[in-house]
Amino acid sequence: MAFLRQEQILLHEVLTPAVTGLGVTYTSKLIPYGGEAGWILVVRNGSAITGTTPGIVWELDATTVAGGGSGMTRVGGAIAAFAAAGVQVTPYYTGTTQGAIGSTSTFLQVKGTIGNADNLAADITVDLIAMP
């Protein structure tokens, strides 16, 4: 099976709110939605996340607003915090726990909420992949 599109969100990045001063919420760029049948969110932690309440809760948000930037709403249910070294794969398709992206959506955005400002996420890679 071939990918239709791959959006690289993060590549071996360090997410540490206490150091970066960027806060505990990370949001990706806006990704135009083109009616793809399904998407897969792939998160890879190169090492375990440390700190108080370690982990990142990832989600895929969508909006129906032309031009995006507002009205972002989480697609599907909440995903558990991911703190261990390894891979988390979340499909967004009809018949999956998260379901499909709404047909009237215009833009997508990946959001990660870090467990606490002292968390050290030293090696985070995130991709959003469109599938036929």
Protein backbone atom coordinates (compact mmCIF):
# COMPACT_ATOMS: atom_id res chain seq x y z
CA MET A 1 0.00 0.00 0.00
CA ALA A 2 1.39 3.40 -0.94
CA PHE A 3 1.25 6.62 1.04
CA LEU A 4 -0.66 9.48 -0.54
CA ARG A 5 1.15 12.11 1.53
CA GLN A 6 3.52 12.27 4.46
CA GLU A 7 3.68 15.35 6.65
CA GLN A 8 6.75 15.42 8.86
CA ILE A 9 5.79 17.21 12.06
CA LEU A 10 8.92 16.69 14.21
CA LEU A 11 12.23 14.94 13.51
CA HIS A 12 14.31 13.93 16.56
CA GLU A 13 13.27 17.12 18.36
CA VAL A 14 13.68 18.01 22.03
CA LEU A 15 10.47 19.19 23.73
CA THR A 16 11.30 20.62 27.15
CA PRO A 17 8.98 23.45 28.24
CA ALA A 18 11.16 24.53 31.18
CA VAL A 19 14.10 25.12 28.82
CA THR A 20 12.39 26.37 25.67
CA GLY A 21 9.85 28.60 27.41
CA LEU A 22 7.30 27.56 24.78
CA GLY A 23 4.79 26.15 27.26
CA VAL A 24 3.36 22.65 27.53
CA THR A 25 1.35 22.63 24.28
CA TYR A 26 2.93 22.01 20.90
CA THR A 27 0.94 22.62 17.70
CA SER A 28 2.09 21.82 14.18
CA LYS A 29 1.67 23.92 11.09
CA LEU A 30 -1.73 23.79 9.37
CA ILE A 31 -2.03 20.88 6.97
CA PRO A 32 -4.53 21.24 4.10
CA TYR A 33 -7.08 18.43 4.10
CA GLY A 34 -7.83 17.01 0.66
CA GLY A 35 -10.50 14.42 1.39
CA GLU A 36 -8.04 11.56 1.95
CA ALA A 37 -9.74 8.34 3.09
CA GLY A 38 -7.58 7.90 6.15
CA TRP A 39 -4.65 9.24 8.12
CA ILE A 40 -2.18 7.65 10.51
CA LEU A 41 -0.46 9.58 13.29
CA VAL A 42 2.93 8.00 14.08
CA VAL A 43 4.83 9.16 17.18
CA ARG A 44 8.28 7.81 18.00
CA ASN A 45 9.96 8.44 21.34
CA GLY A 46 13.68 7.74 20.96
CA SER A 47 13.97 7.62 24.74
CA ALA A 48 11.55 7.63 27.65
CA ILE A 49 10.16 11.02 28.67
CA THR A 50 11.20 12.01 32.19
CA GLY A 51 9.94 14.50 34.78
CA THR A 52 6.84 15.00 36.89
CA THR A 53 3.86 13.24 35.26
CA PRO A 54 6.00 12.39 32.22
CA GLY A 55 4.41 11.98 28.82
CA ILE A 56 2.77 13.73 25.91
CA VAL A 57 -0.88 13.40 24.92
CA TRP A 58 -1.05 13.65 21.13
CA GLU A 59 -4.15 14.42 19.10
CA LEU A 60 -5.20 15.30 15.59
CA ASP A 61 -7.38 18.38 15.29
CA ALA A 62 -9.49 19.47 12.32
CA THR A 63 -11.37 22.59 11.34
CA THR A 64 -14.05 23.41 8.79
CA VAL A 65 -13.08 27.09 8.77
CA ALA A 66 -11.80 28.34 5.40
CA GLY A 67 -8.15 29.31 5.74
CA GLY A 68 -7.85 27.32 8.99
CA GLY A 69 -6.33 28.79 12.11
CA SER A 70 -9.51 28.72 14.20
CA GLY A 71 -12.21 26.29 15.18
CA MET A 72 -9.78 23.39 15.69
CA THR A 73 -11.49 20.39 17.31
CA ARG A 74 -10.00 17.04 18.30
CA VAL A 75 -10.86 14.17 15.96
CA GLY A 76 -12.02 11.11 17.89
CA GLY A 77 -11.47 10.31 21.54
CA ALA A 78 -8.66 11.21 23.90
CA ILE A 79 -5.43 9.25 23.45
CA ALA A 80 -3.47 8.14 26.53
CA ALA A 81 -0.24 9.93 27.43
CA PHE A 82 2.79 8.38 25.76
CA ALA A 83 5.99 8.40 27.81
CA ALA A 84 7.93 5.19 27.09
CA ALA A 85 10.59 4.76 24.43
CA GLY A 86 8.90 3.23 21.39
CA VAL A 87 6.22 3.92 18.81
CA GLN A 88 2.57 4.98 19.11
CA VAL A 89 0.44 4.53 15.98
CA THR A 90 -3.06 6.01 15.83
CA PRO A 91 -5.24 5.45 12.73
CA TYR A 92 -7.96 7.87 11.68
CA TYR A 93 -10.25 5.78 9.43
CA THR A 94 -13.88 4.79 9.35
CA GLY A 95 -14.32 1.84 11.70
CA THR A 96 -11.38 2.72 13.98
CA THR A 97 -11.56 4.07 17.53
CA GLN A 98 -10.68 7.59 16.35
CA GLY A 99 -12.90 7.48 13.26
CA ALA A 100 -12.40 9.31 9.99
CA ILE A 101 -11.74 13.00 9.39
CA GLY A 102 -14.98 14.90 8.71
CA SER A 103 -15.68 15.36 5.00
CA THR A 104 -16.15 19.13 5.38
CA SER A 105 -12.80 19.66 7.13
CA THR A 106 -10.43 22.13 5.51
CA PHE A 107 -7.26 21.87 7.61
CA LEU A 108 -5.64 19.47 10.07
CA GLN A 109 -3.19 20.15 12.88
CA VAL A 110 -1.25 17.87 15.21
CA LYS A 111 -1.23 18.89 18.87
CA GLY A 112 0.81 17.52 21.74
CA THR A 113 0.23 18.40 25.38
CA ILE A 114 3.23 17.74 27.61
CA GLY A 115 2.53 16.33 31.09
CA ASN A 116 4.39 19.01 33.06
CA ALA A 117 6.75 21.94 32.39
CA ASP A 118 9.71 19.97 33.84
CA ASN A 119 9.31 17.07 31.38
CA LEU A 120 12.28 16.22 29.18
CA ALA A 121 11.29 14.67 25.86
CA ALA A 122 14.74 14.32 24.32
CA ASP A 123 14.04 12.57 21.01
CA ILE A 124 10.56 13.02 19.50
CA THR A 125 9.64 12.24 15.90
CA VAL A 126 6.08 12.71 14.63
CA ASP A 127 4.65 12.01 11.17
CA LEU A 128 1.13 12.31 9.81
CA ILE A 129 0.57 9.98 6.88
CA ALA A 130 -2.34 10.09 4.41
CA MET A 131 -3.50 6.71 3.16
CA PRO A 132 -5.78 5.78 0.24
